[in-house]
PDB file of N, CA and C in Angstrom:
ATOM      1  N   UNK A   1       0.848  -1.151   0.015  1.00  0.00           N
ATOM      2  CA  UNK A   1       0.061   0.049   0.087  1.00  0.00           C
ATOM      3  C   UNK A   1       0.864   1.256   0.056  1.00  0.00           C
ATOM      4  N   UNK A   2       0.392   2.192  -0.732  1.00  0.00           N
ATOM      5  CA  UNK A   2       0.909   3.488  -0.635  1.00  0.00           C
ATOM      6  C   UNK A   2       1.080   4.077   0.817  1.00  0.00           C
ATOM      7  N   UNK A   3       2.187   4.787   1.197  1.00  0.00           N
ATOM      8  CA  UNK A   3       2.330   5.479   2.405  1.00  0.00           C
ATOM      9  C   UNK A   3       1.217   6.652   2.532  1.00  0.00           C
ATOM     10  N   UNK A   4       1.024   7.325   1.458  1.00  0.00           N
ATOM     11  CA  UNK A   4      -0.083   8.221   1.568  1.00  0.00           C
ATOM     12  C   UNK A   4      -1.480   7.697   1.912  1.00  0.00           C
ATOM     13  N   UNK A   5      -1.924   6.593   1.337  1.00  0.00           N
ATOM     14  CA  UNK A   5      -3.102   5.897   1.726  1.00  0.00           C
ATOM     15  C   UNK A   5      -3.101   5.364   3.201  1.00  0.00           C
ATOM     16  N   UNK A   6      -1.948   4.930   3.642  1.00  0.00           N
ATOM     17  CA  UNK A   6      -1.892   4.648   4.974  1.00  0.00           C
ATOM     18  C   UNK A   6      -2.041   5.791   5.872  1.00  0.00           C
ATOM     19  N   UNK A   7      -1.544   6.905   5.536  1.00  0.00           N
ATOM     20  CA  UNK A   7      -1.500   8.098   6.472  1.00  0.00           C
ATOM     21  C   UNK A   7      -2.923   8.557   6.418  1.00  0.00           C
ATOM     22  N   UNK A   8      -3.643   8.674   5.407  1.00  0.00           N
ATOM     23  CA  UNK A   8      -4.961   9.132   5.212  1.00  0.00           C
ATOM     24  C   UNK A   8      -5.915   8.130   6.030  1.00  0.00           C
ATOM     25  N   UNK A   9      -5.772   6.751   5.722  1.00  0.00           N
ATOM     26  CA  UNK A   9      -6.532   5.812   6.648  1.00  0.00           C
ATOM     27  C   UNK A   9      -6.241   5.964   8.235  1.00  0.00           C
ATOM     28  N   UNK A  10      -5.078   6.171   8.549  1.00  0.00           N
ATOM     29  CA  UNK A  10      -4.832   6.201  10.083  1.00  0.00           C
ATOM     30  C   UNK A  10      -5.190   7.642  10.519  1.00  0.00           C
ATOM     31  N   UNK A  11      -5.243   8.665   9.768  1.00  0.00           N
ATOM     32  CA  UNK A  11      -5.753   9.955  10.007  1.00  0.00           C
ATOM     33  C   UNK A  11      -7.086  10.053  10.511  1.00  0.00           C
ATOM     34  N   UNK A  12      -7.810   8.941   9.833  1.00  0.00           N
ATOM     35  CA  UNK A  12      -9.299   8.967   9.996  1.00  0.00           C
ATOM     36  C   UNK A  12      -9.786   7.853  10.795  1.00  0.00           C
ATOM     37  N   UNK A  13      -8.882   7.065  11.478  1.00  0.00           N
ATOM     38  CA  UNK A  13      -9.326   5.861  12.083  1.00  0.00           C
ATOM     39  C   UNK A  13     -10.298   6.225  13.328  1.00  0.00           C
ATOM     40  N   UNK A  14     -10.136   7.333  13.995  1.00  0.00           N
ATOM     41  CA  UNK A  14     -11.313   7.529  15.131  1.00  0.00           C
ATOM     42  C   UNK A  14     -12.497   7.844  14.589  1.00  0.00           C
ATOM     43  N   UNK A  15     -12.559   8.556  13.466  1.00  0.00           N
ATOM     44  CA  UNK A  15     -13.878   8.877  12.771  1.00  0.00           C
ATOM     45  C   UNK A  15     -14.453   7.442  12.161  1.00  0.00           C
ATOM     46  N   UNK A  16     -13.526   6.738  11.600  1.00  0.00           N
ATOM     47  CA  UNK A  16     -14.128   5.428  11.216  1.00  0.00           C
ATOM     48  C   UNK A  16     -14.641   4.728  12.274  1.00  0.00           C
ATOM     49  N   UNK A  17     -13.947   4.549  13.419  1.00  0.00           N
ATOM     50  CA  UNK A  17     -14.257   3.666  14.613  1.00  0.00           C
ATOM     51  C   UNK A  17     -15.850   4.298  15.047  1.00  0.00           C
ATOM     52  N   UNK A  18     -15.953   5.675  15.010  1.00  0.00           N
ATOM     53  CA  UNK A  18     -17.257   6.358  15.596  1.00  0.00           C
ATOM     54  C   UNK A  18     -18.444   6.224  14.363  1.00  0.00           C
ATOM     55  N   UNK A  19     -18.032   5.767  13.230  1.00  0.00           N
ATOM     56  CA  UNK A  19     -18.980   5.780  12.214  1.00  0.00           C
ATOM     57  C   UNK A  19     -19.384   7.235  11.794  1.00  0.00           C
ATOM     58  N   UNK A  20     -18.375   8.224  11.766  1.00  0.00           N
ATOM     59  CA  UNK A  20     -18.596   9.505  11.539  1.00  0.00           C
ATOM     60  C   UNK A  20     -18.224  10.022  10.188  1.00  0.00           C
ATOM     61  N   UNK A  21     -18.074   8.945   9.244  1.00  0.00           N
ATOM     62  CA  UNK A  21     -17.634   9.295   7.956  1.00  0.00           C
ATOM     63  C   UNK A  21     -18.723   9.019   6.868  1.00  0.00           C
ATOM     64  N   UNK A  22     -18.592   9.748   5.623  1.00  0.00           N
ATOM     65  CA  UNK A  22     -19.392   9.343   4.554  1.00  0.00           C
ATOM     66  C   UNK A  22     -19.421   7.806   4.176  1.00  0.00           C
ATOM     67  N   UNK A  23     -20.494   7.187   3.843  1.00  0.00           N
ATOM     68  CA  UNK A  23     -20.268   5.812   3.430  1.00  0.00           C
ATOM     69  C   UNK A  23     -19.305   5.768   2.444  1.00  0.00           C
ATOM     70  N   UNK A  24     -18.958   6.417   1.570  1.00  0.00           N
ATOM     71  CA  UNK A  24     -17.922   6.153   0.542  1.00  0.00           C
ATOM     72  C   UNK A  24     -16.551   6.307   1.215  1.00  0.00           C
ATOM     73  N   UNK A  25     -16.334   7.070   2.013  1.00  0.00           N
ATOM     74  CA  UNK A  25     -15.057   7.004   3.030  1.00  0.00           C
ATOM     75  C   UNK A  25     -14.954   5.757   3.702  1.00  0.00           C
ATOM     76  N   UNK A  26     -16.052   5.447   4.287  1.00  0.00           N
ATOM     77  CA  UNK A  26     -15.849   4.329   5.140  1.00  0.00           C
ATOM     78  C   UNK A  26     -15.497   3.082   4.352  1.00  0.00           C
ATOM     79  N   UNK A  27     -16.219   2.951   3.108  1.00  0.00           N
ATOM     80  CA  UNK A  27     -15.805   1.885   2.102  1.00  0.00           C
ATOM     81  C   UNK A  27     -14.427   1.861   1.773  1.00  0.00           C
ATOM     82  N   UNK A  28     -13.646   3.135   1.448  1.00  0.00           N
ATOM     83  CA  UNK A  28     -12.393   3.212   1.193  1.00  0.00           C
ATOM     84  C   UNK A  28     -11.517   2.749   2.197  1.00  0.00           C
ATOM     85  N   UNK A  29     -11.885   3.130   3.438  1.00  0.00           N
ATOM     86  CA  UNK A  29     -11.003   2.748   4.591  1.00  0.00           C
ATOM     87  C   UNK A  29     -11.180   1.184   4.867  1.00  0.00           C
ATOM     88  N   UNK A  30     -12.214   0.528   4.733  1.00  0.00           N
ATOM     89  CA  UNK A  30     -12.420  -0.708   4.822  1.00  0.00           C
ATOM     90  C   UNK A  30     -11.758  -1.714   3.841  1.00  0.00           C
ATOM     91  N   UNK A  31     -11.597  -1.079   2.708  1.00  0.00           N
ATOM     92  CA  UNK A  31     -10.719  -1.658   1.522  1.00  0.00           C
ATOM     93  C   UNK A  31      -9.424  -1.590   2.043  1.00  0.00           C
ATOM     94  N   UNK A  32      -9.008  -0.491   2.340  1.00  0.00           N
ATOM     95  CA  UNK A  32      -7.566  -0.229   2.675  1.00  0.00           C
ATOM     96  C   UNK A  32      -7.148  -1.245   3.742  1.00  0.00           C
ATOM     97  N   UNK A  33      -8.026  -1.271   4.856  1.00  0.00           N
ATOM     98  CA  UNK A  33      -7.584  -2.065   6.027  1.00  0.00           C
ATOM     99  C   UNK A  33      -7.485  -3.612   5.765  1.00  0.00           C
ATOM    100  N   UNK A  34      -8.511  -4.083   4.596  1.00  0.00           N
ATOM    101  CA  UNK A  34      -8.512  -5.393   4.174  1.00  0.00           C
ATOM    102  C   UNK A  34      -7.183  -5.743   3.417  1.00  0.00           C
ATOM    103  N   UNK A  35      -6.451  -4.771   2.925  1.00  0.00           N
ATOM    104  CA  UNK A  35      -5.238  -4.985   2.032  1.00  0.00           C
ATOM    105  C   UNK A  35      -4.098  -4.727   2.816  1.00  0.00           C
ATOM    106  N   UNK A  36      -4.066  -3.940   3.913  1.00  0.00           N
ATOM    107  CA  UNK A  36      -3.021  -3.495   4.456  1.00  0.00           C
ATOM    108  C   UNK A  36      -2.668  -3.817   6.044  1.00  0.00           C
ATOM    109  N   UNK A  37      -1.875  -4.913   6.114  1.00  0.00           N
ATOM    110  CA  UNK A  37      -1.579  -5.280   7.443  1.00  0.00           C
ATOM    111  C   UNK A  37      -1.117  -4.468   8.406  1.00  0.00           C
ATOM    112  N   UNK A  38      -0.331  -3.638   8.091  1.00  0.00           N
ATOM    113  CA  UNK A  38       0.132  -2.503   8.923  1.00  0.00           C
ATOM    114  C   UNK A  38      -1.023  -1.691   9.501  1.00  0.00           C
ATOM    115  N   UNK A  39      -1.979  -1.130   8.734  1.00  0.00           N
ATOM    116  CA  UNK A  39      -2.852  -0.223   9.104  1.00  0.00           C
ATOM    117  C   UNK A  39      -3.935  -1.172   9.885  1.00  0.00           C
ATOM    118  N   UNK A  40      -4.125  -2.320   9.514  1.00  0.00           N
ATOM    119  CA  UNK A  40      -5.059  -3.092  10.189  1.00  0.00           C
ATOM    120  C   UNK A  40      -4.525  -3.451  11.760  1.00  0.00           C
ATOM    121  N   UNK A  41      -3.254  -3.568  11.840  1.00  0.00           N
ATOM    122  CA  UNK A  41      -2.718  -3.717  13.178  1.00  0.00           C
ATOM    123  C   UNK A  41      -2.962  -2.339  14.075  1.00  0.00           C
ATOM    124  N   UNK A  42      -2.907  -1.165  13.434  1.00  0.00           N
ATOM    125  CA  UNK A  42      -3.097   0.055  14.056  1.00  0.00           C
ATOM    126  C   UNK A  42      -4.404   0.236  14.424  1.00  0.00           C
ATOM    127  N   UNK A  43      -5.187  -0.231  13.466  1.00  0.00           N
ATOM    128  CA  UNK A  43      -6.657  -0.199  13.707  1.00  0.00           C
ATOM    129  C   UNK A  43      -7.271  -0.984  14.730  1.00  0.00           C
ATOM    130  N   UNK A  44      -6.693  -2.344  14.843  1.00  0.00           N
ATOM    131  CA  UNK A  44      -7.110  -3.022  15.982  1.00  0.00           C
ATOM    132  C   UNK A  44      -6.743  -2.585  17.236  1.00  0.00           C
ATOM    133  N   UNK A  45      -5.481  -1.845  17.473  1.00  0.00           N
ATOM    134  CA  UNK A  45      -4.922  -1.192  18.665  1.00  0.00           C
ATOM    135  C   UNK A  45      -5.945  -0.079  19.093  1.00  0.00           C
ATOM    136  N   UNK A  46      -6.256   0.831  18.050  1.00  0.00           N
ATOM    137  CA  UNK A  46      -7.052   1.932  18.394  1.00  0.00           C
ATOM    138  C   UNK A  46      -8.361   1.528  18.664  1.00  0.00           C
ATOM    139  N   UNK A  47      -9.031   0.434  17.970  1.00  0.00           N
ATOM    140  CA  UNK A  47     -10.210  -0.159  18.395  1.00  0.00           C
ATOM    141  C   UNK A  47     -10.295  -0.723  19.680  1.00  0.00           C
ATOM    142  N   UNK A  48      -9.346  -1.299  20.233  1.00  0.00           N
ATOM    143  CA  UNK A  48      -9.339  -1.594  21.611  1.00  0.00           C
ATOM    144  C   UNK A  48      -9.288  -0.501  22.721  1.00  0.00           C
ATOM    145  N   UNK A  49      -8.359   0.570  22.153  1.00  0.00           N
ATOM    146  CA  UNK A  49      -8.371   1.787  23.268  1.00  0.00           C
ATOM    147  C   UNK A  49      -9.672   2.211  23.331  1.00  0.00           C
ATOM    148  N   UNK A  50     -10.290   2.472  22.108  1.00  0.00           N
ATOM    149  CA  UNK A  50     -11.588   3.197  21.985  1.00  0.00           C
ATOM    150  C   UNK A  50     -12.743   2.402  22.942  1.00  0.00           C
ATOM    151  N   UNK A  51     -12.677   1.045  22.762  1.00  0.00           N
ATOM    152  CA  UNK A  51     -13.585   0.192  23.474  1.00  0.00           C
ATOM    153  C   UNK A  51     -13.395   0.384  25.102  1.00  0.00           C
ATOM    154  N   UNK A  52     -12.011   0.398  25.454  1.00  0.00           N
ATOM    155  CA  UNK A  52     -11.883   0.615  26.723  1.00  0.00           C
ATOM    156  C   UNK A  52     -12.329   1.813  27.498  1.00  0.00           C
ATOM    157  N   UNK A  53     -11.901   2.865  26.611  1.00  0.00           N
ATOM    158  CA  UNK A  53     -12.379   4.214  27.110  1.00  0.00           C
ATOM    159  C   UNK A  53     -14.014   4.266  27.166  1.00  0.00           C
ATOM    160  N   UNK A  54     -14.620   3.617  26.258  1.00  0.00           N
ATOM    161  CA  UNK A  54     -16.295   3.599  26.342  1.00  0.00           C
ATOM    162  C   UNK A  54     -16.547   2.890  27.513  1.00  0.00           C
ATOM    163  N   UNK A  55     -15.910   1.614  27.883  1.00  0.00           N
ATOM    164  CA  UNK A  55     -16.258   0.828  28.884  1.00  0.00           C
ATOM    165  C   UNK A  55     -16.112   1.664  30.144  1.00  0.00           C
ATOM    166  N   UNK A  56     -14.937   2.250  30.275  1.00  0.00           N
ATOM    167  CA  UNK A  56     -14.562   3.051  31.419  1.00  0.00           C
ATOM    168  C   UNK A  56     -15.504   4.242  31.685  1.00  0.00           C
ATOM    169  N   UNK A  57     -15.861   4.829  30.599  1.00  0.00           N
ATOM    170  CA  UNK A  57     -17.032   5.993  30.808  1.00  0.00           C
ATOM    171  C   UNK A  57     -18.313   5.394  31.250  1.00  0.00           C
ATOM    172  N   UNK A  58     -18.760   4.225  30.653  1.00  0.00           N
ATOM    173  CA  UNK A  58     -19.932   3.868  31.206  1.00  0.00           C
ATOM    174  C   UNK A  58     -19.838   3.308  32.745  1.00  0.00           C
ATOM    175  N   UNK A  59     -18.648   2.744  33.113  1.00  0.00           N
ATOM    176  CA  UNK A  59     -18.448   2.429  34.468  1.00  0.00           C
ATOM    177  C   UNK A  59     -18.622   3.631  35.435  1.00  0.00           C
ATOM    178  N   UNK A  60     -18.005   4.683  34.879  1.00  0.00           N
ATOM    179  CA  UNK A  60     -17.977   5.977  35.725  1.00  0.00           C
ATOM    180  C   UNK A  60     -19.362   6.635  35.950  1.00  0.00           C
ATOM    181  N   UNK A  61     -20.050   6.452  34.742  1.00  0.00           N
ATOM    182  CA  UNK A  61     -21.388   7.048  34.931  1.00  0.00           C
ATOM    183  C   UNK A  61     -22.346   6.329  35.732  1.00  0.00           C
ATOM    184  N   UNK A  62     -22.166   4.914  35.710  1.00  0.00           N
ATOM    185  CA  UNK A  62     -23.031   4.078  36.509  1.00  0.00           C
ATOM    186  C   UNK A  62     -22.609   4.220  37.960  1.00  0.00           C
ATOM    187  N   UNK A  63     -21.365   4.468  38.389  1.00  0.00           N
ATOM    188  CA  UNK A  63     -20.795   4.651  39.690  1.00  0.00           C
ATOM    189  C   UNK A  63     -21.375   6.171  40.119  1.00  0.00           C
ATOM    190  N   UNK A  64     -21.338   7.087  39.327  1.00  0.00           N
ATOM    191  CA  UNK A  64     -21.715   8.447  39.819  1.00  0.00           C
ATOM    192  C   UNK A  64     -23.242   8.221  40.058  1.00  0.00           C
ATOM    193  N   UNK A  65     -24.003   7.581  39.159  1.00  0.00           N
ATOM    194  CA  UNK A  65     -25.530   7.632  39.425  1.00  0.00           C
ATOM    195  C   UNK A  65     -25.770   6.837  40.671  1.00  0.00           C
ATOM    196  N   UNK A  66     -25.081   5.716  40.984  1.00  0.00           N
ATOM    197  CA  UNK A  66     -25.332   4.905  42.211  1.00  0.00           C
ATOM    198  C   UNK A  66     -24.998   5.870  43.270  1.00  0.00           C
ATOM    199  N   UNK A  67     -23.908   6.716  43.379  1.00  0.00           N
ATOM    200  CA  UNK A  67     -23.511   7.469  44.414  1.00  0.00           C
ATOM    201  C   UNK A  67     -24.607   8.560  44.666  1.00  0.00           C
ATOM    202  N   UNK A  68     -25.138   9.105  43.722  1.00  0.00           N
ATOM    203  CA  UNK A  68     -26.143  10.284  43.621  1.00  0.00           C
ATOM    204  C   UNK A  68     -27.273   9.622  44.346  1.00  0.00           C
ATOM    205  N   UNK A  69     -27.622   8.405  43.952  1.00  0.00           N
ATOM    206  CA  UNK A  69     -28.897   7.968  44.182  1.00  0.00           C
ATOM    207  C   UNK A  69     -28.807   7.521  45.748  1.00  0.00           C
ATOM    208  N   UNK A  70     -27.658   7.127  46.208  1.00  0.00           N
ATOM    209  CA  UNK A  70     -27.498   6.825  47.621  1.00  0.00           C
ATOM    210  C   UNK A  70     -27.612   8.122  48.458  1.00  0.00           C
ATOM    211  N   UNK A  71     -26.938   9.307  48.029  1.00  0.00           N
ATOM    212  CA  UNK A  71     -27.110  10.503  48.619  1.00  0.00           C
ATOM    213  C   UNK A  71     -28.432  10.964  48.889  1.00  0.00           C
ATOM    214  N   UNK A  72     -29.320  10.865  47.658  1.00  0.00           N
ATOM    215  CA  UNK A  72     -30.564  11.351  47.763  1.00  0.00           C
ATOM    216  C   UNK A  72     -31.398  10.592  48.640  1.00  0.00           C
ATOM    217  N   UNK A  73     -31.251   9.176  48.680  1.00  0.00           N
ATOM    218  CA  UNK A  73     -32.012   8.408  49.521  1.00  0.00           C
ATOM    219  C   UNK A  73     -31.817   8.813  50.963  1.00  0.00           C
ATOM    220  N   UNK A  74     -30.481   8.950  51.292  1.00  0.00           N
ATOM    221  CA  UNK A  74     -30.244   9.208  52.653  1.00  0.00           C
ATOM    222  C   UNK A  74     -30.689  10.654  53.046  1.00  0.00           C
ATOM    223  N   UNK A  75     -30.931  11.635  52.289  1.00  0.00           N
ATOM    224  CA  UNK A  75     -31.501  12.917  52.540  1.00  0.00           C
ATOM    225  C   UNK A  75     -33.019  12.788  52.780  1.00  0.00           C
ATOM    226  N   UNK A  76     -33.703  11.776  52.144  1.00  0.00           N
ATOM    227  CA  UNK A  76     -34.998  11.631  52.267  1.00  0.00           C
ATOM    228  C   UNK A  76     -35.568  11.291  53.706  1.00  0.00           C
TER     229      UNK A  76
END
């Protein structure tokens, strides 16, 4: 793969993960990832990081909600 295609792909990987690109751009990136092992590895890493962040965020929100609910119940 050309270095320029790799740079373009990796520059847009977070938008790709968030599904925030036009369908034609999503298709280009999918096709590039299918044929480029280097970018596929980077994508896998970024995908794992993104999933961990999402998971941590949900855990934090649940924890906050639980604490707030406990405080409210103790004030009633």
